[in-house]
Amino acid sequence: MVLALDKQWVWDSWYAHDGERWHAWFLKADKSLGDPDLRHFNVSQGHAVSDDLISWHHLGTSLTPAPAPAWDDLVTWTGSVLRDDDGLWHLFYTGGRQSEDGLYQRIGHATSHDMHNWDRVGDGLCLDLTGPNAAQYEAEHMVGHWHDRAMRDPWVMRDPAGDGWLMYFTARAPGIEEANAAGAIGFATSPDLIHWDLQPPVFVGGFGQLEVPQVFEENGRWYCLFCTAAEHWSRARIADTGMTPVTGNHYLIADDPRGPWRIAPGFLDGANPCRRYAARILKTAEGLVIMGFDDNGHDHFVGQIRDPEPVLVDAEGYLHIDPDAEQGGK
């Protein structure tokens, strides 16, 4: 069945359950562009609903870049959705502006009563790399060192230790000579989902970027799912593990959502690490499942999200995609 559109590519996605059915939001771009690499800067967010994560009813576009000039007038990229104590839905998303060619990313905030029509909170901007802890991030575009000023893919959740909220995002740490060793999971806290304080990163190292983080708890252990490309493995990561770098999904493990975090061994995707990217792990009545888009490379890009596949937790707390599950999305 897969989550797909006839005339548009679909890639990064995020999900929420309203108590009755699943909602998916995803990045989409017109296939008429021809070159799938052009999709990133010709993007909007789509919305679909499902009872089973397999059959989807598409509701159309839910968010587009703001009219220029604005901090998010070029792109509105990947984010997350959650509901507050009063029942209002909140979208946190990545934005970039035309005047910066999208090279400086920031995090935006919008709210909705129906999960489809979103109103930006103020001008939408809720977090940038500013304040006392900004020095712990690569806050400028390091031309020739890395391809952007990374601050994207916000994952927001309730603070299990209090009344506030936690945000994780893709970032980079400064002053590290090897570009592929500076990837970081950024961190911020809020008492009310409106006012955010930038905190030091909760993890640095191993890769040049840790994209689309998702933090969740299962059986008393915390996991931070992320994805990265083979060319973004650090030299130390390759030497320490002896593994051949692959493009795909990986994860961190911790006993507390604030860390310390460590990289889990092996590959979440087993023998087929490249078959999906920008994955999310969802908690369903039948257990954990993983969803992500088909990662077939530029020359064979499909632009669709695979059907859910079961995720198992072994006795040591490591995650594995069920090898006996039917492989959807083929």
Protein backbone atom coordinates (compact mmCIF):
# COMPACT_ATOMS: atom_id res chain seq x y z
CA MET A 1 0.00 0.00 0.00
CA VAL A 2 2.75 2.48 1.12
CA LEU A 3 2.28 6.18 1.76
CA ALA A 4 2.78 7.72 -1.67
CA LEU A 5 1.48 10.36 -4.09
CA ASP A 6 1.20 9.97 -7.85
CA LYS A 7 2.62 13.36 -8.81
CA GLN A 8 4.82 14.18 -5.84
CA TRP A 9 7.79 12.65 -4.09
CA VAL A 10 7.35 11.93 -0.38
CA TRP A 11 10.25 11.58 2.03
CA ASP A 12 10.83 12.58 5.72
CA SER A 13 7.75 11.91 7.86
CA TRP A 14 6.51 12.25 11.45
CA TYR A 15 3.43 10.93 13.22
CA ALA A 16 0.91 11.45 16.00
CA HIS A 17 -2.17 9.55 17.22
CA ASP A 18 -5.28 11.57 18.12
CA GLY A 19 -6.89 8.78 20.15
CA GLU A 20 -8.79 7.38 17.17
CA ARG A 21 -6.44 7.33 14.19
CA TRP A 22 -2.91 8.02 13.05
CA HIS A 23 -1.80 11.23 11.41
CA ALA A 24 1.27 11.48 9.22
CA TRP A 25 2.97 14.65 8.07
CA PHE A 26 5.67 14.48 5.44
CA LEU A 27 7.84 16.48 3.10
CA LYS A 28 6.69 16.49 -0.51
CA ALA A 29 7.72 18.01 -3.82
CA ASP A 30 6.53 17.80 -7.43
CA LYS A 31 7.99 15.04 -9.57
CA SER A 32 7.81 17.46 -12.50
CA LEU A 33 11.07 18.93 -11.14
CA GLY A 34 12.75 15.98 -12.82
CA ASP A 35 15.82 15.84 -10.59
CA PRO A 36 14.97 14.47 -7.11
CA ASP A 37 17.82 16.50 -5.61
CA LEU A 38 15.79 19.63 -6.37
CA ARG A 39 13.02 18.51 -4.03
CA HIS A 40 14.69 19.90 -0.91
CA PHE A 41 14.25 23.54 -1.93
CA ASN A 42 10.85 23.12 -3.59
CA VAL A 43 9.11 21.62 -0.59
CA SER A 44 5.87 21.74 1.35
CA GLN A 45 4.39 19.59 4.10
CA GLY A 46 1.64 17.09 3.41
CA HIS A 47 -0.85 15.46 5.79
CA ALA A 48 -2.59 12.08 5.69
CA VAL A 49 -4.59 9.93 8.12
CA SER A 50 -4.85 6.19 8.66
CA ASP A 51 -6.42 3.61 10.94
CA ASP A 52 -3.66 1.05 10.45
CA LEU A 53 -0.53 2.89 9.16
CA ILE A 54 -0.99 1.09 5.82
CA SER A 55 -4.08 2.54 4.10
CA TRP A 56 -3.83 6.35 3.94
CA HIS A 57 -6.29 9.13 3.16
CA HIS A 58 -4.46 12.22 1.93
CA LEU A 59 -5.72 15.57 3.17
CA GLY A 60 -3.44 17.79 1.10
CA THR A 61 -0.86 20.42 2.00
CA SER A 62 -0.70 21.45 5.64
CA LEU A 63 2.22 23.93 5.74
CA THR A 64 4.22 25.87 3.16
CA PRO A 65 7.06 28.40 3.40
CA ALA A 66 6.00 31.85 4.56
CA PRO A 67 5.69 34.79 2.15
CA ALA A 68 9.00 36.60 1.73
CA PRO A 69 10.71 38.17 3.50
CA ALA A 70 10.62 35.77 6.45
CA TRP A 71 13.00 33.49 8.32
CA ASP A 72 11.22 30.48 6.74
CA ASP A 73 10.37 31.85 3.30
CA LEU A 74 12.38 29.20 1.41
CA VAL A 75 11.78 25.89 3.17
CA THR A 76 9.69 24.31 5.92
CA TRP A 77 11.37 21.01 6.61
CA THR A 78 11.07 18.09 9.02
CA GLY A 79 9.59 18.38 12.52
CA SER A 80 7.33 16.77 15.09
CA VAL A 81 3.78 17.16 16.41
CA LEU A 82 2.39 16.78 19.92
CA ARG A 83 -0.62 17.84 21.99
CA ASP A 84 -0.51 20.01 25.11
CA ASP A 85 -2.54 19.62 28.30
CA ASP A 86 -5.35 21.80 26.90
CA GLY A 87 -5.74 19.73 23.74
CA LEU A 88 -4.01 22.18 21.40
CA TRP A 89 -1.70 20.61 18.81
CA HIS A 90 1.81 21.95 18.32
CA LEU A 91 4.04 21.59 15.26
CA PHE A 92 7.77 22.23 15.59
CA TYR A 93 9.55 22.38 12.25
CA THR A 94 12.75 23.38 10.44
CA GLY A 95 12.86 26.62 8.46
CA GLY A 96 15.27 28.37 6.12
CA ARG A 97 15.23 31.70 4.31
CA GLN A 98 15.86 32.68 0.70
CA SER A 99 18.39 35.39 1.54
CA GLU A 100 20.64 32.76 3.15
CA ASP A 101 20.06 30.11 0.47
CA GLY A 102 18.66 27.88 3.21
CA LEU A 103 22.14 27.38 4.67
CA TYR A 104 21.17 28.64 8.13
CA GLN A 105 18.45 26.51 9.68
CA ARG A 106 16.25 27.53 12.60
CA ILE A 107 13.33 25.96 14.43
CA GLY A 108 9.75 27.14 14.10
CA HIS A 109 6.49 26.65 15.96
CA ALA A 110 2.86 26.56 14.81
CA THR A 111 -0.38 25.42 16.46
CA SER A 112 -3.62 23.85 15.28
CA HIS A 113 -7.00 22.70 16.56
CA ASP A 114 -7.60 20.24 13.69
CA MET A 115 -4.03 18.96 13.07
CA HIS A 116 -4.13 20.23 9.46
CA ASN A 117 -4.46 24.01 9.41
CA TRP A 118 -1.47 25.49 11.22
CA ASP A 119 -1.01 29.03 12.53
CA ARG A 120 2.52 30.21 13.22
CA VAL A 121 3.11 31.42 16.76
CA GLY A 122 4.10 35.02 16.12
CA ASP A 123 6.39 34.91 13.09
CA GLY A 124 6.94 31.20 13.78
CA LEU A 125 10.54 31.42 14.98
CA CYS A 126 10.97 29.78 18.38
CA LEU A 127 14.64 28.77 18.64
CA ASP A 128 17.97 29.81 17.15
CA LEU A 129 21.59 29.20 18.13
CA THR A 130 21.78 32.20 20.46
CA GLY A 131 22.22 32.77 24.18
CA PRO A 132 24.71 31.59 26.80
CA ASN A 133 25.05 28.06 25.39
CA ALA A 134 25.38 29.02 21.72
CA ALA A 135 29.18 28.73 21.96
CA GLN A 136 28.75 24.96 22.35
CA TYR A 137 27.34 24.74 18.82
CA GLU A 138 28.74 25.35 15.36
CA ALA A 139 26.70 28.54 15.06
CA GLU A 140 28.10 29.80 11.73
CA HIS A 141 28.23 28.24 8.30
CA MET A 142 31.76 26.82 8.15
CA VAL A 143 32.39 27.25 4.43
CA GLY A 144 34.66 24.50 3.17
CA HIS A 145 34.29 22.54 6.40
CA TRP A 146 30.60 21.59 6.30
CA HIS A 147 27.70 22.20 3.94
CA ASP A 148 25.35 24.15 6.25
CA ARG A 149 24.75 25.68 9.67
CA ALA A 150 22.85 22.72 11.06
CA MET A 151 19.82 23.27 13.29
CA ARG A 152 16.95 21.13 12.13
CA ASP A 153 14.58 18.18 12.65
CA PRO A 154 13.20 19.16 16.08
CA TRP A 155 11.78 16.35 18.21
CA VAL A 156 9.70 17.71 21.12
CA MET A 157 8.37 15.68 24.04
CA ARG A 158 7.21 16.06 27.61
CA ASP A 159 9.92 16.13 30.26
CA PRO A 160 9.41 12.86 32.18
CA ALA A 161 11.19 14.42 35.17
CA GLY A 162 8.96 17.49 35.50
CA ASP A 163 6.25 19.73 34.11
CA GLY A 164 8.18 21.13 31.17
CA TRP A 165 9.18 20.05 27.68
CA LEU A 166 12.33 18.82 25.96
CA MET A 167 13.53 19.43 22.41
CA TYR A 168 16.19 17.48 20.51
CA PHE A 169 17.51 18.53 17.11
CA THR A 170 20.22 17.88 14.53
CA ALA A 171 23.22 20.12 15.19
CA ARG A 172 27.01 20.30 15.12
CA ALA A 173 29.69 21.05 17.71
CA PRO A 174 32.45 23.66 17.14
CA GLY A 175 36.22 23.37 17.14
CA ILE A 176 36.48 19.78 15.94
CA GLU A 177 39.04 19.33 13.18
CA GLU A 178 37.41 16.37 11.47
CA ALA A 179 34.08 17.47 10.01
CA ASN A 180 32.69 13.95 10.36
CA ALA A 181 33.33 13.92 14.11
CA ALA A 182 31.31 17.06 14.90
CA GLY A 183 27.75 15.80 14.52
CA ALA A 184 25.61 16.52 17.59
CA ILE A 185 22.18 16.08 19.09
CA GLY A 186 21.17 19.58 20.17
CA PHE A 187 18.99 20.16 23.20
CA ALA A 188 16.60 22.81 24.54
CA THR A 189 14.08 23.03 27.37
CA SER A 190 10.81 24.90 27.87
CA PRO A 191 8.28 25.36 30.67
CA ASP A 192 5.38 26.05 28.30
CA LEU A 193 6.23 25.14 24.66
CA ILE A 194 6.52 28.87 23.89
CA HIS A 195 9.70 30.03 25.62
CA TRP A 196 12.75 27.88 24.91
CA ASP A 197 16.22 27.86 26.46
CA LEU A 198 19.09 26.47 24.41
CA GLN A 199 21.07 23.91 26.40
CA PRO A 200 24.41 22.20 25.64
CA PRO A 201 24.21 19.25 23.21
CA VAL A 202 23.37 15.92 24.80
CA PHE A 203 25.63 14.02 22.40
CA VAL A 204 28.59 14.81 20.13
CA GLY A 205 30.64 12.58 17.86
CA GLY A 206 30.71 9.50 15.70
CA PHE A 207 29.24 11.12 12.60
CA GLY A 208 29.16 14.38 10.72
CA GLN A 209 25.42 14.62 11.23
CA LEU A 210 22.78 12.74 13.17
CA GLU A 211 19.61 13.54 11.24
CA VAL A 212 15.94 13.34 12.22
CA PRO A 213 16.41 12.41 15.90
CA GLN A 214 13.54 10.76 17.75
CA VAL A 215 13.74 10.14 21.49
CA PHE A 216 11.51 7.57 23.17
CA GLU A 217 11.42 5.16 26.11
CA GLU A 218 10.79 1.43 26.03
CA ASN A 219 11.06 -0.98 28.97
CA GLY A 220 12.81 1.60 31.13
CA ARG A 221 15.52 2.41 28.58
CA TRP A 222 15.80 5.54 26.43
CA TYR A 223 16.55 5.49 22.73
CA CYS A 224 17.48 8.24 20.27
CA LEU A 225 16.85 7.07 16.72
CA PHE A 226 18.70 8.96 13.97
CA CYS A 227 19.90 8.50 10.40
CA THR A 228 23.12 9.32 8.61
CA ALA A 229 24.91 8.64 5.34
CA ALA A 230 27.88 6.35 4.79
CA GLU A 231 30.11 9.28 3.83
CA HIS A 232 29.44 10.96 7.19
CA TRP A 233 30.97 8.32 9.47
CA SER A 234 33.96 9.58 11.46
CA ARG A 235 37.39 7.97 11.13
CA ALA A 236 37.27 7.00 14.81
CA ARG A 237 33.85 5.37 14.43
CA ILE A 238 35.11 3.25 11.54
CA ALA A 239 38.33 2.30 13.36
CA ASP A 240 36.62 1.51 16.67
CA THR A 241 33.93 -0.71 15.19
CA GLY A 242 35.68 -2.22 12.19
CA MET A 243 32.39 -1.82 10.31
CA THR A 244 31.98 -0.70 6.74
CA PRO A 245 30.04 2.59 6.77
CA VAL A 246 26.48 2.36 5.46
CA THR A 247 23.66 4.79 4.90
CA GLY A 248 20.71 4.15 7.17
CA ASN A 249 19.21 4.36 10.65
CA HIS A 250 21.15 4.06 13.88
CA TYR A 251 20.39 4.88 17.50
CA LEU A 252 21.79 6.02 20.81
CA ILE A 253 21.00 4.45 24.20
CA ALA A 254 20.74 6.06 27.65
CA ASP A 255 19.22 5.49 31.06
CA ASP A 256 17.91 9.07 31.14
CA PRO A 257 16.65 11.30 28.30
CA ARG A 258 19.27 13.91 29.25
CA GLY A 259 22.01 11.30 28.83
CA PRO A 260 24.74 10.34 28.89
CA TRP A 261 24.09 8.74 25.51
CA ARG A 262 26.17 6.12 23.69
CA ILE A 263 25.98 4.75 20.17
CA ALA A 264 24.33 1.34 20.00
CA PRO A 265 26.39 -1.42 18.37
CA GLY A 266 25.62 -2.96 15.02
CA PHE A 267 22.89 -1.92 12.58
CA LEU A 268 19.23 -1.46 13.39
CA ASP A 269 18.33 -2.57 9.86
CA GLY A 270 20.40 -5.73 9.95
CA ALA A 271 21.48 -6.99 6.55
CA ASN A 272 19.53 -4.29 4.68
CA PRO A 273 20.72 -1.01 6.25
CA CYS A 274 19.98 1.13 3.19
CA ARG A 275 16.36 0.24 2.60
CA ARG A 276 14.82 3.15 4.52
CA TYR A 277 15.90 6.59 5.72
CA ALA A 278 14.61 9.23 8.14
CA ALA A 279 12.73 6.51 10.01
CA ARG A 280 10.41 6.82 13.00
CA ILE A 281 9.59 4.14 15.54
CA LEU A 282 5.93 4.17 16.60
CA LYS A 283 4.25 2.53 19.57
CA THR A 284 1.16 0.64 18.43
CA ALA A 285 -1.22 -1.79 20.13
CA GLU A 286 0.74 -4.60 18.47
CA GLY A 287 4.14 -3.30 19.60
CA LEU A 288 6.88 -1.15 18.10
CA VAL A 289 6.99 -0.58 14.35
CA ILE A 290 9.34 1.41 12.13
CA MET A 291 8.42 3.62 9.15
CA GLY A 292 10.64 5.58 6.79
CA PHE A 293 11.04 6.44 3.13
CA ASP A 294 12.66 4.22 0.52
CA ASP A 295 16.29 5.24 0.19
CA ASN A 296 17.17 4.13 -3.32
CA GLY A 297 19.73 6.80 -4.17
CA HIS A 298 19.52 9.64 -6.67
CA ASP A 299 19.32 7.54 -9.83
CA HIS A 300 16.51 5.32 -8.54
CA PHE A 301 14.70 7.63 -6.14
CA VAL A 302 11.12 6.47 -5.53
CA GLY A 303 9.81 9.01 -3.03
CA GLN A 304 7.41 6.96 -0.90
CA ILE A 305 7.17 5.83 2.72
CA ARG A 306 7.39 2.11 3.38
CA ASP A 307 4.72 0.19 5.25
CA PRO A 308 5.41 -0.38 8.97
CA GLU A 309 7.68 -3.24 10.00
CA PRO A 310 7.90 -4.70 13.55
CA VAL A 311 10.80 -3.72 15.80
CA LEU A 312 11.99 -6.14 18.48
CA VAL A 313 13.87 -5.37 21.70
CA ASP A 314 16.32 -8.11 22.68
CA ALA A 315 17.34 -9.19 26.18
CA GLU A 316 20.15 -6.61 26.26
CA GLY A 317 17.83 -3.79 25.26
CA TYR A 318 19.02 -3.48 21.66
CA LEU A 319 16.59 -2.83 18.82
CA HIS A 320 16.20 -5.08 15.78
CA ILE A 321 13.82 -5.05 12.85
CA ASP A 322 11.99 -8.37 12.84
CA PRO A 323 13.78 -10.46 10.17
CA ASP A 324 10.68 -12.59 9.66
CA ALA A 325 8.38 -9.65 8.96
CA GLU A 326 7.04 -9.12 5.47
CA GLN A 327 9.07 -6.36 3.81
CA GLY A 328 6.65 -3.63 2.77
CA GLY A 329 7.15 -0.91 0.21
CA LYS A 330 8.75 -3.02 -2.51
